[in-house]
Amino acid sequence: MSQTPILAALLLFFISIPVSSYGSVLSPFLFLSIFNIYTDATFLFIADGPLYDSTAYTKCKIQPEPPLYNGGMLKDQQQHTIPDTGDRQKSFSFSLKNLDAATKYCFSIWIRIKDAESAMITASLVTQDTRLKCIGTVTAYKGCWSFLKGGFVLSSPSNSNTLYIKSALQNSDSKDVVGIEIASASLQPFTPQQWRLNQDTKINQARKRAVTVHVSDREGRQVQGASIRVEQLSKDFPFGSAIAESIIANPPYQKWFVERFNAAVFENELKWNATEFIQGQVNYTLPDQMLEFVQANQITVRGHNIFWENPQYIPKWAQNLTGSALESAVTSRIQSLMHKYRGDFVHWDVNNEMLHFDFYEDRLGPNATLHLFKAAHQSDPLATLFMNEFNVVETCSDAESTVDAYVSRMRGLQRGGVTVGGIGLQGHFDVPNPPLMRAVLDKLATLGLPIWLTEVDISNEFTKETQAIYLEEVVREGFSHPAVNGIVLWTAFRRGRCYQMCLTDGNFSNLATGEAVDKLMKEWSSDGLEGRSNEHGSYSFFAFLGEYKITAKYGDKTVDSTFSLSQGRETRHFNIQLY
């Protein structure tokens, strides 16, 4: 019998309780060693299933890598690449039997093309009941191998299924396809329990850390039996929501918000059309008041947005400008906005949704976006500049914003000398596809930049109860991915409604979606831990990153102290002296 399922079970048991509760059974150091050995493995079997393999590539390679999971369900269906001397096939297919509902299927494959400089490769799935038009894409290039990573979940079981790999020319309206070669195909199933265990493993590795508190008297002697209480003052991970002007002078809304969130973004109030509806009449009254609220409550706030490529949301007076007149208006917007709020916003979405729209580049030339980013950086060098886009992580069916299209645009900006510090993924979901979402995050993580889910919501075509289920799926997936540095929901409450999804009703009582958020907030908290120092004067625990207050009490002596718990693999040691 494999020992790794036992190790996984032990890990989950031990991380669920303070280390001091089993002191003599397992020392903090042995515990942390087990944890590190377990989470450092790249391929361990957990509960009769594999540890998820986050390996991804966004640059093509001379030779394909071996298949993930040794091919998984496709191990016996591996198709050899076609020799260079022959014609490439236009498509490939795999026959799949007995696919289960709710099981997460992770798919990957390497692709090489010959007949064009580049081509979009799409993986799709046809079941006995439905067709999933896209379960993964990759932009493949001539002369090298490119990595496609994706996946799918079925809502009902299916006995007969076909997975297709097809190609289409890039940047062309032609329906022609190009010849392709494939290698190292893999399809790995994860039961819901295995998927959740993998998420919890990643959360415990990336979002938590072991702590040992040492208690001594004024002579430095260890104190056994001291009462210890741990209170979490703040959380390290930014989790928040959009807000609207309706939060101004609204105590119930403010109280509800502050009790939950440590991050915010203004829904519309900073946008150009809102601050300069009439040319030359700039008004920052509303964002000023909203900024006063978030700063008074120590809430991190993103700047959204400086520009928006979609002409529908550009001031009407600016839509008619061209050439030097538009350049002057753009320069004025940057100088006015960035000078006023220099240092106030941690991020700026510089040119929103530029994969889907091209207003500024169409009128100011192909380097317009480069100039916008450079000017924004010069105006506020300490703010992190983001490229913010929709339909990157939500789906792969949008050809304008595939993961490779995002990566290509980001690298193009970087080659142009632009300081782009963050990856912004809006996250407007209908039915989530967690394997695809995770695969996209894996590929974007290769850029080495912080990833934020910036506008998360669920379509209002679903009931609030279904929205809550899907919201928890999306947020848990984001929180469990080590490359994700923050999550902001798009749930601003304005005039009794929200864009797609609300968390509360008009009295600021939680809806099902709000209850889902509160459940996660409680789950990802380490507040109220209590115990006593052992014979070594130590109390150990495993906690989420953040700021903490520790109260140590022994006899008539009580000492309060605070410390920060930041990311790190070694145990955080903290000393308290009872005077």
Protein backbone atom coordinates (compact mmCIF):
# COMPACT_ATOMS: atom_id res chain seq x y z
CA MET A 1 0.00 0.00 0.00
CA SER A 2 1.32 3.44 -0.90
CA GLN A 3 2.34 5.55 2.09
CA THR A 4 1.43 8.89 0.50
CA PRO A 5 -2.35 8.68 1.15
CA ILE A 6 -1.49 8.05 4.79
CA LEU A 7 0.86 11.04 4.74
CA ALA A 8 -1.88 13.18 3.21
CA ALA A 9 -4.37 12.13 5.86
CA LEU A 10 -1.87 12.84 8.64
CA LEU A 11 -1.09 16.24 7.15
CA LEU A 12 -4.72 17.27 6.97
CA PHE A 13 -5.27 16.10 10.54
CA PHE A 14 -2.28 17.90 11.98
CA ILE A 15 -2.84 21.19 10.18
CA SER A 16 -6.40 21.30 11.51
CA ILE A 17 -5.33 21.59 15.16
CA PRO A 18 -2.75 23.64 17.10
CA VAL A 19 0.59 21.89 17.28
CA SER A 20 0.53 22.20 21.09
CA SER A 21 -2.47 19.87 21.17
CA TYR A 22 -0.30 16.91 20.26
CA GLY A 23 3.01 18.19 21.64
CA SER A 24 4.71 14.97 22.61
CA VAL A 25 3.21 13.05 19.68
CA LEU A 26 4.68 15.24 16.95
CA SER A 27 7.04 18.14 17.46
CA PRO A 28 6.53 21.39 15.51
CA PHE A 29 9.78 20.74 13.68
CA LEU A 30 8.81 17.21 12.63
CA PHE A 31 5.39 18.51 11.63
CA LEU A 32 6.89 21.18 9.42
CA SER A 33 9.30 18.66 7.90
CA ILE A 34 6.41 16.39 6.95
CA PHE A 35 4.54 19.35 5.53
CA ASN A 36 7.50 20.50 3.43
CA ILE A 37 8.29 17.03 2.13
CA TYR A 38 4.67 16.54 1.20
CA THR A 39 4.07 19.86 -0.53
CA ASP A 40 7.43 19.99 -2.32
CA ALA A 41 6.68 16.82 -4.24
CA THR A 42 5.82 17.35 -7.89
CA PHE A 43 3.98 14.06 -8.26
CA LEU A 44 2.51 12.34 -5.22
CA PHE A 45 -0.56 10.20 -5.05
CA ILE A 46 -3.16 11.53 -2.64
CA ALA A 47 -6.23 9.56 -1.70
CA ASP A 48 -5.67 7.25 -4.70
CA GLY A 49 -5.23 10.21 -7.04
CA PRO A 50 -2.32 12.39 -8.11
CA LEU A 51 -1.19 15.70 -6.74
CA TYR A 52 -2.18 18.28 -9.34
CA ASP A 53 0.71 19.09 -11.68
CA SER A 54 0.93 22.87 -12.19
CA THR A 55 3.63 22.59 -14.87
CA ALA A 56 2.98 24.95 -17.78
CA TYR A 57 4.81 26.53 -20.71
CA THR A 58 4.08 29.67 -22.71
CA LYS A 59 7.13 29.53 -24.96
CA CYS A 60 7.46 26.93 -27.66
CA LYS A 61 10.23 24.34 -27.40
CA ILE A 62 12.38 22.40 -29.82
CA GLN A 63 11.19 19.13 -28.32
CA PRO A 64 7.98 18.32 -26.43
CA GLU A 65 8.13 17.46 -22.75
CA PRO A 66 6.87 14.09 -21.45
CA PRO A 67 3.12 13.89 -20.81
CA LEU A 68 1.80 15.07 -17.46
CA TYR A 69 0.61 12.24 -15.19
CA ASN A 70 2.31 9.84 -17.58
CA GLY A 71 -0.62 10.39 -19.93
CA GLY A 72 -3.35 9.54 -17.43
CA MET A 73 -6.39 8.15 -19.23
CA LEU A 74 -4.62 8.63 -22.58
CA LYS A 75 -1.59 6.57 -21.65
CA ASP A 76 -2.63 3.71 -23.92
CA GLN A 77 -3.89 6.05 -26.64
CA GLN A 78 -0.66 7.98 -27.17
CA GLN A 79 -0.42 8.85 -30.85
CA HIS A 80 3.08 9.11 -32.22
CA THR A 81 4.10 12.24 -34.07
CA ILE A 82 3.98 12.10 -37.84
CA PRO A 83 7.44 12.01 -39.45
CA ASP A 84 8.77 15.24 -40.94
CA THR A 85 8.74 13.73 -44.42
CA GLY A 86 4.97 13.26 -44.51
CA ASP A 87 1.97 15.55 -44.55
CA ARG A 88 0.53 16.59 -41.25
CA GLN A 89 -2.98 15.62 -40.28
CA LYS A 90 -5.50 18.43 -40.05
CA SER A 91 -6.97 17.17 -36.78
CA PHE A 92 -6.73 14.45 -34.17
CA SER A 93 -9.30 12.81 -31.94
CA PHE A 94 -9.34 10.61 -28.87
CA SER A 95 -12.16 8.25 -27.99
CA LEU A 96 -13.12 8.42 -24.32
CA LYS A 97 -15.41 6.04 -22.48
CA ASN A 98 -17.37 6.43 -19.27
CA LEU A 99 -16.75 10.02 -18.21
CA ASP A 100 -18.25 10.89 -14.82
CA ALA A 101 -20.24 13.93 -13.77
CA ALA A 102 -18.49 16.38 -11.39
CA THR A 103 -15.09 14.79 -11.99
CA LYS A 104 -12.46 17.36 -12.95
CA TYR A 105 -10.63 16.29 -16.12
CA CYS A 106 -7.28 18.00 -16.77
CA PHE A 107 -6.08 17.87 -20.36
CA SER A 108 -2.73 18.78 -21.90
CA ILE A 109 -0.93 18.13 -25.17
CA TRP A 110 2.00 19.42 -27.23
CA ILE A 111 1.36 20.76 -30.75
CA ARG A 112 3.57 21.52 -33.74
CA ILE A 113 2.46 23.02 -37.07
CA LYS A 114 4.10 23.24 -40.49
CA ASP A 115 1.94 24.98 -43.05
CA ALA A 116 1.72 28.47 -41.50
CA GLU A 117 3.72 30.79 -39.28
CA SER A 118 1.12 30.46 -36.51
CA ALA A 119 -2.24 28.88 -35.88
CA MET A 120 -4.86 28.67 -33.16
CA ILE A 121 -5.24 25.13 -31.87
CA THR A 122 -8.48 24.33 -30.08
CA ALA A 123 -9.42 21.27 -28.05
CA SER A 124 -13.13 20.44 -27.88
CA LEU A 125 -15.26 17.62 -26.52
CA VAL A 126 -18.36 15.97 -27.94
CA THR A 127 -20.34 13.78 -25.56
CA GLN A 128 -23.50 11.77 -26.13
CA ASP A 129 -25.54 14.72 -24.84
CA THR A 130 -23.64 17.91 -25.54
CA ARG A 131 -20.65 19.61 -27.13
CA LEU A 132 -18.04 21.64 -25.28
CA LYS A 133 -16.68 23.87 -28.03
CA CYS A 134 -13.52 24.74 -26.18
CA ILE A 135 -11.72 22.98 -23.35
CA GLY A 136 -8.32 24.51 -24.10
CA THR A 137 -6.38 26.49 -26.70
CA VAL A 138 -2.85 27.29 -27.67
CA THR A 139 -1.24 29.52 -30.27
CA ALA A 140 1.19 27.23 -32.08
CA TYR A 141 4.14 28.42 -34.15
CA LYS A 142 6.04 26.96 -37.06
CA GLY A 143 9.12 24.93 -36.26
CA CYS A 144 8.60 24.30 -32.53
CA TRP A 145 6.30 22.62 -30.05
CA SER A 146 3.63 24.56 -28.12
CA PHE A 147 1.85 23.48 -24.93
CA LEU A 148 -1.93 23.37 -24.69
CA LYS A 149 -3.38 23.02 -21.20
CA GLY A 150 -7.05 22.98 -20.24
CA GLY A 151 -9.79 20.71 -19.01
CA PHE A 152 -13.48 20.22 -18.44
CA VAL A 153 -16.25 19.12 -16.08
CA LEU A 154 -19.44 17.36 -17.17
CA SER A 155 -22.82 17.98 -15.59
CA SER A 156 -23.96 14.43 -16.35
CA PRO A 157 -22.13 11.14 -17.02
CA SER A 158 -21.44 10.14 -20.59
CA ASN A 159 -20.47 6.72 -21.95
CA SER A 160 -19.35 7.76 -25.43
CA ASN A 161 -17.17 10.85 -25.96
CA THR A 162 -14.69 12.21 -28.47
CA LEU A 163 -11.99 14.78 -27.74
CA TYR A 164 -10.92 16.73 -30.84
CA ILE A 165 -7.76 18.72 -31.60
CA LYS A 166 -8.19 21.11 -34.53
CA SER A 167 -6.32 24.06 -36.00
CA ALA A 168 -7.24 27.38 -37.60
CA LEU A 169 -5.10 30.11 -39.13
CA GLN A 170 -4.20 33.04 -36.88
CA ASN A 171 -5.37 36.55 -37.80
CA SER A 172 -7.38 35.33 -40.75
CA ASP A 173 -11.03 35.05 -41.70
CA SER A 174 -10.19 31.96 -43.69
CA LYS A 175 -11.77 28.67 -42.64
CA ASP A 176 -8.64 26.84 -43.76
CA VAL A 177 -6.85 24.65 -41.29
CA VAL A 178 -3.18 23.79 -41.07
CA GLY A 179 -1.48 20.49 -40.57
CA ILE A 180 -0.52 19.61 -37.01
CA GLU A 181 1.53 17.11 -35.09
CA ILE A 182 0.75 16.11 -31.53
CA ALA A 183 2.77 14.60 -28.70
CA SER A 184 2.55 13.84 -24.99
CA ALA A 185 -1.24 13.96 -24.70
CA SER A 186 -2.61 13.59 -21.18
CA LEU A 187 -6.05 13.44 -19.56
CA GLN A 188 -6.10 13.10 -15.80
CA PRO A 189 -9.32 12.76 -13.77
CA PHE A 190 -9.74 14.14 -10.25
CA THR A 191 -12.74 13.28 -8.12
CA PRO A 192 -14.32 16.22 -6.27
CA GLN A 193 -12.65 14.98 -3.08
CA GLN A 194 -9.23 14.76 -4.73
CA TRP A 195 -9.65 18.22 -6.25
CA ARG A 196 -10.57 19.73 -2.88
CA LEU A 197 -7.66 17.99 -1.18
CA ASN A 198 -5.32 19.45 -3.78
CA GLN A 199 -6.77 22.91 -3.19
CA ASP A 200 -6.36 22.59 0.57
CA THR A 201 -2.79 21.41 0.12
CA LYS A 202 -1.94 24.48 -1.98
CA ILE A 203 -3.71 26.80 0.47
CA ASN A 204 -1.80 25.36 3.40
CA GLN A 205 1.45 25.73 1.51
CA ALA A 206 0.97 29.24 0.08
CA ARG A 207 -1.33 30.99 2.56
CA LYS A 208 -0.26 29.62 5.95
CA ARG A 209 2.85 29.25 8.07
CA ALA A 210 3.96 27.44 11.22
CA VAL A 211 4.53 29.58 14.33
CA THR A 212 6.20 28.79 17.65
CA VAL A 213 5.74 31.19 20.55
CA HIS A 214 8.37 30.98 23.31
CA VAL A 215 7.31 32.16 26.77
CA SER A 216 9.90 33.03 29.43
CA ASP A 217 10.19 35.02 32.64
CA ARG A 218 12.38 38.10 33.12
CA GLU A 219 15.39 35.88 33.84
CA GLY A 220 14.89 34.06 30.54
CA ARG A 221 13.63 30.83 32.12
CA GLN A 222 11.04 28.86 30.16
CA VAL A 223 7.50 29.12 31.52
CA GLN A 224 5.39 25.98 31.34
CA GLY A 225 1.60 26.22 31.57
CA ALA A 226 1.25 29.84 30.47
CA SER A 227 -2.15 30.56 28.94
CA ILE A 228 -1.87 31.69 25.30
CA ARG A 229 -4.53 33.34 23.17
CA VAL A 230 -3.99 34.28 19.51
CA GLU A 231 -6.11 36.97 17.87
CA GLN A 232 -5.84 37.70 14.15
CA LEU A 233 -5.87 41.47 13.64
CA SER A 234 -5.72 41.48 9.85
CA LYS A 235 -5.29 39.17 6.89
CA ASP A 236 -2.39 39.28 4.50
CA PHE A 237 -4.36 38.17 1.42
CA PRO A 238 -6.33 41.03 -0.20
CA PHE A 239 -9.96 40.00 -0.61
CA GLY A 240 -12.57 42.61 -1.40
CA SER A 241 -15.31 43.99 -3.57
CA ALA A 242 -16.15 46.87 -5.84
CA ILE A 243 -17.96 49.76 -4.18
CA ALA A 244 -20.09 52.54 -5.59
CA GLU A 245 -20.95 56.07 -4.54
CA SER A 246 -23.84 54.59 -2.54
CA ILE A 247 -21.37 53.70 0.21
CA ILE A 248 -20.80 57.41 0.97
CA ALA A 249 -22.57 58.47 4.19
CA ASN A 250 -24.17 55.03 4.39
CA PRO A 251 -23.26 53.53 7.81
CA PRO A 252 -25.04 50.16 7.30
CA TYR A 253 -23.26 49.58 3.97
CA GLN A 254 -19.94 50.74 5.40
CA LYS A 255 -20.25 48.51 8.48
CA TRP A 256 -21.15 45.48 6.38
CA PHE A 257 -18.22 46.12 4.03
CA VAL A 258 -15.54 46.78 6.65
CA GLU A 259 -16.48 43.68 8.64
CA ARG A 260 -15.53 41.51 5.66
CA PHE A 261 -13.15 43.08 3.22
CA ASN A 262 -9.63 44.50 3.19
CA ALA A 263 -9.58 45.48 -0.51
CA ALA A 264 -11.79 47.58 -2.77
CA VAL A 265 -12.13 49.07 -6.22
CA PHE A 266 -14.42 51.88 -7.37
CA GLU A 267 -16.94 50.53 -9.85
CA ASN A 268 -17.36 53.58 -12.12
CA GLU A 269 -16.43 56.71 -10.20
CA LEU A 270 -12.82 57.01 -11.41
CA LYS A 271 -13.51 56.34 -15.07
CA TRP A 272 -12.88 59.15 -17.52
CA ASN A 273 -16.51 59.44 -18.50
CA ALA A 274 -17.44 59.88 -14.82
CA THR A 275 -14.79 62.45 -13.88
CA GLU A 276 -14.87 64.55 -17.08
CA PHE A 277 -18.29 64.07 -18.65
CA ILE A 278 -17.95 67.52 -20.22
CA GLN A 279 -14.56 68.42 -21.65
CA GLY A 280 -12.57 70.58 -19.28
CA GLN A 281 -14.99 70.16 -16.35
CA VAL A 282 -13.12 67.67 -14.14
CA ASN A 283 -14.87 66.60 -10.95
CA TYR A 284 -13.32 64.22 -8.41
CA THR A 285 -15.82 64.81 -5.59
CA LEU A 286 -17.22 61.27 -5.47
CA PRO A 287 -13.92 59.38 -5.71
CA ASP A 288 -12.47 61.72 -3.09
CA GLN A 289 -15.24 60.78 -0.65
CA MET A 290 -14.93 57.08 -1.43
CA LEU A 291 -11.16 57.25 -1.01
CA GLU A 292 -11.63 58.90 2.37
CA PHE A 293 -13.78 55.94 3.47
CA VAL A 294 -11.36 53.21 2.36
CA GLN A 295 -8.29 54.96 3.76
CA ALA A 296 -9.99 55.59 7.11
CA ASN A 297 -10.58 51.83 7.34
CA GLN A 298 -7.14 50.75 6.10
CA ILE A 299 -8.57 49.11 2.98
CA THR A 300 -6.31 48.51 -0.01
CA VAL A 301 -7.80 50.14 -3.10
CA ARG A 302 -7.18 49.53 -6.81
CA GLY A 303 -7.36 52.29 -9.42
CA HIS A 304 -9.90 51.40 -12.12
CA ASN A 305 -9.35 52.68 -14.72
CA ILE A 306 -7.25 55.34 -16.43
CA PHE A 307 -8.50 54.51 -19.93
CA TRP A 308 -10.97 52.08 -21.43
CA GLU A 309 -10.51 50.97 -25.02
CA ASN A 310 -14.22 50.26 -25.50
CA PRO A 311 -15.59 53.35 -27.35
CA GLN A 312 -18.92 52.91 -25.58
CA TYR A 313 -17.33 54.05 -22.32
CA ILE A 314 -15.13 56.85 -23.62
CA PRO A 315 -16.53 60.38 -23.09
CA LYS A 316 -18.63 61.31 -26.09
CA TRP A 317 -16.66 64.50 -26.60
CA ALA A 318 -13.42 62.48 -26.77
CA GLN A 319 -14.85 59.98 -29.25
CA ASN A 320 -14.86 62.70 -31.89
CA LEU A 321 -11.22 63.70 -31.36
CA THR A 322 -8.32 62.59 -33.52
CA GLY A 323 -4.62 63.31 -33.89
CA SER A 324 -3.10 66.02 -31.73
CA ALA A 325 -6.46 66.95 -30.16
CA LEU A 326 -6.90 63.40 -28.83
CA GLU A 327 -3.25 63.25 -27.74
CA SER A 328 -3.72 66.46 -25.78
CA ALA A 329 -6.88 65.12 -24.10
CA VAL A 330 -5.18 61.85 -23.20
CA THR A 331 -2.18 63.66 -21.74
CA SER A 332 -4.45 65.94 -19.73
CA ARG A 333 -6.36 62.93 -18.36
CA ILE A 334 -3.19 61.20 -17.18
CA GLN A 335 -1.69 64.31 -15.63
CA SER A 336 -4.89 65.32 -13.88
CA LEU A 337 -5.80 61.88 -12.50
CA MET A 338 -2.33 60.59 -11.65
CA HIS A 339 -1.10 63.84 -10.10
CA LYS A 340 -4.13 64.09 -7.84
CA TYR A 341 -4.04 60.47 -6.66
CA ARG A 342 -0.31 59.80 -6.73
CA GLY A 343 0.41 57.19 -4.08
CA ASP A 344 -3.26 56.59 -3.16
CA PHE A 345 -3.99 53.56 -5.32
CA VAL A 346 -1.86 50.41 -5.19
CA HIS A 347 -2.79 49.43 -8.77
CA TRP A 348 -3.94 51.11 -11.93
CA ASP A 349 -5.76 49.38 -14.79
CA VAL A 350 -4.11 51.46 -17.45
CA ASN A 351 -5.99 50.65 -20.65
CA ASN A 352 -8.92 48.40 -19.89
CA GLU A 353 -9.87 45.54 -22.25
CA MET A 354 -7.34 46.31 -24.94
CA LEU A 355 -7.46 42.74 -26.28
CA HIS A 356 -11.06 43.33 -27.38
CA PHE A 357 -10.98 46.98 -28.46
CA ASP A 358 -8.49 49.35 -30.12
CA PHE A 359 -9.90 52.88 -29.99
CA TYR A 360 -6.63 54.57 -29.02
CA GLU A 361 -4.34 52.50 -31.19
CA ASP A 362 -6.66 52.97 -34.15
CA ARG A 363 -6.52 56.77 -33.77
CA LEU A 364 -3.09 57.37 -32.25
CA GLY A 365 -1.07 54.60 -33.86
CA PRO A 366 0.10 51.08 -32.92
CA ASN A 367 2.29 52.34 -30.07
CA ALA A 368 -0.48 54.25 -28.30
CA THR A 369 -0.77 51.72 -25.46
CA LEU A 370 2.99 51.82 -24.90
CA HIS A 371 2.77 55.58 -24.42
CA LEU A 372 -0.17 55.27 -22.02
CA PHE A 373 1.68 52.79 -19.79
CA LYS A 374 4.91 54.81 -19.86
CA ALA A 375 3.12 58.05 -18.99
CA ALA A 376 1.22 56.35 -16.15
CA HIS A 377 4.44 54.91 -14.73
CA GLN A 378 6.18 58.28 -14.87
CA SER A 379 3.23 59.88 -13.07
CA ASP A 380 3.16 57.31 -10.25
CA PRO A 381 6.25 55.06 -10.26
CA LEU A 382 5.18 53.23 -7.08
CA ALA A 383 1.80 52.05 -8.38
CA THR A 384 1.64 48.61 -10.00
CA LEU A 385 0.31 48.90 -13.54
CA PHE A 386 -2.08 46.17 -14.67
CA MET A 387 -3.30 44.82 -17.96
CA ASN A 388 -6.97 44.06 -17.18
CA GLU A 389 -9.09 41.83 -19.43
CA PHE A 390 -12.21 39.66 -19.54
CA ASN A 391 -12.72 36.13 -20.90
CA VAL A 392 -9.16 35.08 -20.24
CA VAL A 393 -9.80 32.87 -17.22
CA GLU A 394 -13.57 32.44 -17.60
CA THR A 395 -13.55 30.62 -20.95
CA CYS A 396 -11.34 29.70 -23.89
CA SER A 397 -14.08 30.27 -26.48
CA ASP A 398 -13.23 33.95 -26.97
CA ALA A 399 -10.53 34.05 -29.65
CA GLU A 400 -9.69 37.67 -28.79
CA SER A 401 -8.58 36.88 -25.24
CA THR A 402 -7.15 33.39 -25.07
CA VAL A 403 -4.43 32.87 -22.51
CA ASP A 404 -1.80 32.94 -25.25
CA ALA A 405 -3.22 36.17 -26.69
CA TYR A 406 -2.89 37.73 -23.23
CA VAL A 407 0.67 36.45 -22.81
CA SER A 408 1.66 37.65 -26.27
CA ARG A 409 0.30 41.16 -25.65
CA MET A 410 1.97 41.35 -22.26
CA ARG A 411 5.33 40.33 -23.69
CA GLY A 412 4.89 42.83 -26.51
CA LEU A 413 4.43 45.62 -23.98
CA GLN A 414 7.48 44.47 -22.07
CA ARG A 415 9.57 44.41 -25.24
CA GLY A 416 8.40 47.96 -25.87
CA GLY A 417 9.96 49.05 -22.59
CA VAL A 418 6.72 49.26 -20.63
CA THR A 419 6.55 48.64 -16.89
CA VAL A 420 3.63 46.20 -16.56
CA GLY A 421 3.61 44.83 -13.05
CA GLY A 422 0.40 42.85 -12.79
CA ILE A 423 -1.99 40.48 -14.53
CA GLY A 424 -5.64 41.51 -14.16
CA LEU A 425 -8.28 38.88 -14.88
CA GLN A 426 -11.82 40.19 -14.59
CA GLY A 427 -13.61 36.91 -13.95
CA HIS A 428 -17.20 37.42 -15.13
CA PHE A 429 -18.29 33.77 -15.06
CA ASP A 430 -21.31 31.81 -16.10
CA VAL A 431 -20.78 28.09 -15.36
CA PRO A 432 -17.20 27.85 -14.04
CA ASN A 433 -14.76 25.34 -15.49
CA PRO A 434 -12.23 24.85 -12.64
CA PRO A 435 -9.73 22.68 -14.61
CA LEU A 436 -9.59 25.28 -17.39
CA MET A 437 -9.36 28.13 -14.88
CA ARG A 438 -6.46 26.45 -13.11
CA ALA A 439 -4.70 25.67 -16.39
CA VAL A 440 -4.96 29.32 -17.48
CA LEU A 441 -3.56 30.48 -14.14
CA ASP A 442 -0.71 27.98 -14.50
CA LYS A 443 0.22 29.38 -17.90
CA LEU A 444 -0.04 33.01 -16.79
CA ALA A 445 2.10 32.22 -13.76
CA THR A 446 5.02 31.58 -16.12
CA LEU A 447 5.21 35.37 -16.61
CA GLY A 448 6.35 35.73 -12.99
CA LEU A 449 3.94 38.59 -12.26
CA PRO A 450 1.27 38.91 -9.56
CA ILE A 451 -2.15 37.76 -10.72
CA TRP A 452 -5.35 39.38 -9.43
CA LEU A 453 -8.91 38.32 -10.06
CA THR A 454 -10.22 41.85 -10.38
CA GLU A 455 -13.97 41.72 -11.10
CA VAL A 456 -15.33 38.35 -10.01
CA ASP A 457 -19.04 37.67 -10.32
CA ILE A 458 -21.48 35.05 -11.59
CA SER A 459 -24.05 35.68 -14.33
CA ASN A 460 -27.51 36.69 -13.14
CA GLU A 461 -29.04 34.07 -15.43
CA PHE A 462 -28.72 31.76 -12.42
CA THR A 463 -30.61 31.79 -9.13
CA LYS A 464 -28.88 33.38 -6.16
CA GLU A 465 -28.36 29.92 -4.67
CA THR A 466 -26.64 28.71 -7.84
CA GLN A 467 -24.62 31.93 -8.01
CA ALA A 468 -23.42 31.17 -4.47
CA ILE A 469 -22.30 27.65 -5.41
CA TYR A 470 -20.42 28.87 -8.48
CA LEU A 471 -18.94 31.83 -6.61
CA GLU A 472 -17.43 29.57 -3.99
CA GLU A 473 -15.92 27.40 -6.74
CA VAL A 474 -14.28 30.37 -8.44
CA VAL A 475 -13.01 32.06 -5.27
CA ARG A 476 -11.66 28.82 -3.80
CA GLU A 477 -9.88 28.10 -7.06
CA GLY A 478 -8.30 31.55 -7.07
CA PHE A 479 -7.31 31.50 -3.41
CA SER A 480 -5.71 28.08 -3.75
CA HIS A 481 -3.48 29.09 -6.67
CA PRO A 482 -0.09 30.34 -5.39
CA ALA A 483 0.28 32.87 -8.22
CA VAL A 484 -2.93 34.71 -7.32
CA ASN A 485 -2.16 37.68 -5.05
CA GLY A 486 -5.65 39.12 -4.57
CA ILE A 487 -9.35 38.70 -5.34
CA VAL A 488 -11.91 41.48 -5.81
CA LEU A 489 -15.60 40.76 -6.38
CA TRP A 490 -17.66 42.87 -8.78
CA THR A 491 -20.57 43.31 -6.37
CA ALA A 492 -20.95 47.04 -5.81
CA PHE A 493 -24.43 47.80 -4.44
CA ARG A 494 -25.92 50.73 -6.36
CA ARG A 495 -29.55 51.89 -6.37
CA GLY A 496 -30.75 48.56 -5.00
CA ARG A 497 -28.98 46.40 -7.56
CA CYS A 498 -25.59 45.14 -8.69
CA TYR A 499 -24.01 44.57 -12.10
CA GLN A 500 -24.68 40.82 -12.19
CA MET A 501 -24.46 39.55 -8.63
CA CYS A 502 -25.23 41.08 -5.23
CA LEU A 503 -24.05 39.82 -1.86
CA THR A 504 -26.74 41.55 0.20
CA ASP A 505 -30.28 42.79 0.00
CA GLY A 506 -31.29 46.43 0.49
CA ASN A 507 -31.05 46.09 4.26
CA PHE A 508 -27.50 44.69 4.01
CA SER A 509 -28.55 41.24 5.12
CA ASN A 510 -26.62 38.53 3.33
CA LEU A 511 -28.01 36.76 0.30
CA ALA A 512 -26.84 33.21 -0.43
CA THR A 513 -23.80 34.69 -2.20
CA GLY A 514 -22.93 36.77 0.87
CA GLU A 515 -23.23 33.69 3.05
CA ALA A 516 -20.81 31.86 0.74
CA VAL A 517 -18.31 34.71 1.13
CA ASP A 518 -18.65 34.72 4.91
CA LYS A 519 -18.16 30.96 5.01
CA LEU A 520 -14.88 31.29 3.12
CA MET A 521 -13.76 34.24 5.25
CA LYS A 522 -14.28 32.16 8.39
CA GLU A 523 -12.57 29.13 6.88
CA TRP A 524 -9.53 31.22 5.92
CA SER A 525 -9.10 32.78 9.35
CA SER A 526 -6.91 31.77 12.30
CA ASP A 527 -8.63 33.83 14.97
CA GLY A 528 -9.23 32.73 18.56
CA LEU A 529 -6.57 30.03 18.93
CA GLU A 530 -5.95 29.11 22.55
CA GLY A 531 -3.59 26.81 24.44
CA ARG A 532 -0.84 26.55 27.00
CA SER A 533 2.93 26.55 26.75
CA ASN A 534 4.47 23.09 27.05
CA GLU A 535 7.41 21.89 29.14
CA HIS A 536 9.75 23.82 26.82
CA GLY A 537 7.80 27.04 27.32
CA SER A 538 6.50 26.83 23.75
CA TYR A 539 3.12 27.00 22.07
CA SER A 540 2.99 26.17 18.34
CA PHE A 541 0.29 26.57 15.74
CA PHE A 542 -0.27 26.81 12.00
CA ALA A 543 -1.95 30.04 10.86
CA PHE A 544 -2.94 32.11 7.86
CA LEU A 545 -0.63 34.96 6.95
CA GLY A 546 -1.42 38.31 8.53
CA GLU A 547 -1.06 40.43 11.65
CA TYR A 548 -1.57 38.86 15.08
CA LYS A 549 -1.98 39.81 18.71
CA ILE A 550 -0.80 37.27 21.28
CA THR A 551 -1.81 37.40 24.94
CA ALA A 552 0.28 35.35 27.38
CA LYS A 553 -0.94 34.97 30.95
CA TYR A 554 0.66 33.19 33.90
CA GLY A 555 -0.53 33.75 37.45
CA ASP A 556 -1.13 37.47 37.89
CA LYS A 557 1.08 38.43 34.95
CA THR A 558 -0.35 39.21 31.51
CA VAL A 559 1.53 40.42 28.45
CA ASP A 560 0.13 41.46 25.06
CA SER A 561 2.31 41.53 21.99
CA THR A 562 1.88 41.67 18.21
CA PHE A 563 3.74 40.17 15.29
CA SER A 564 3.49 39.81 11.51
CA LEU A 565 3.22 36.45 9.84
CA SER A 566 4.54 36.76 6.29
CA GLN A 567 5.17 34.06 3.74
CA GLY A 568 8.06 31.71 4.46
CA ARG A 569 8.85 28.02 4.62
CA GLU A 570 10.62 28.02 7.98
CA THR A 571 8.82 28.21 11.31
CA ARG A 572 8.24 31.75 12.55
CA HIS A 573 9.65 32.03 16.08
CA PHE A 574 8.31 34.69 18.45
CA ASN A 575 9.35 35.43 22.02
CA ILE A 576 7.18 36.73 24.85
CA GLN A 577 8.68 37.65 28.22
CA LEU A 578 6.48 37.78 31.32
CA TYR A 579 7.58 40.56 33.63
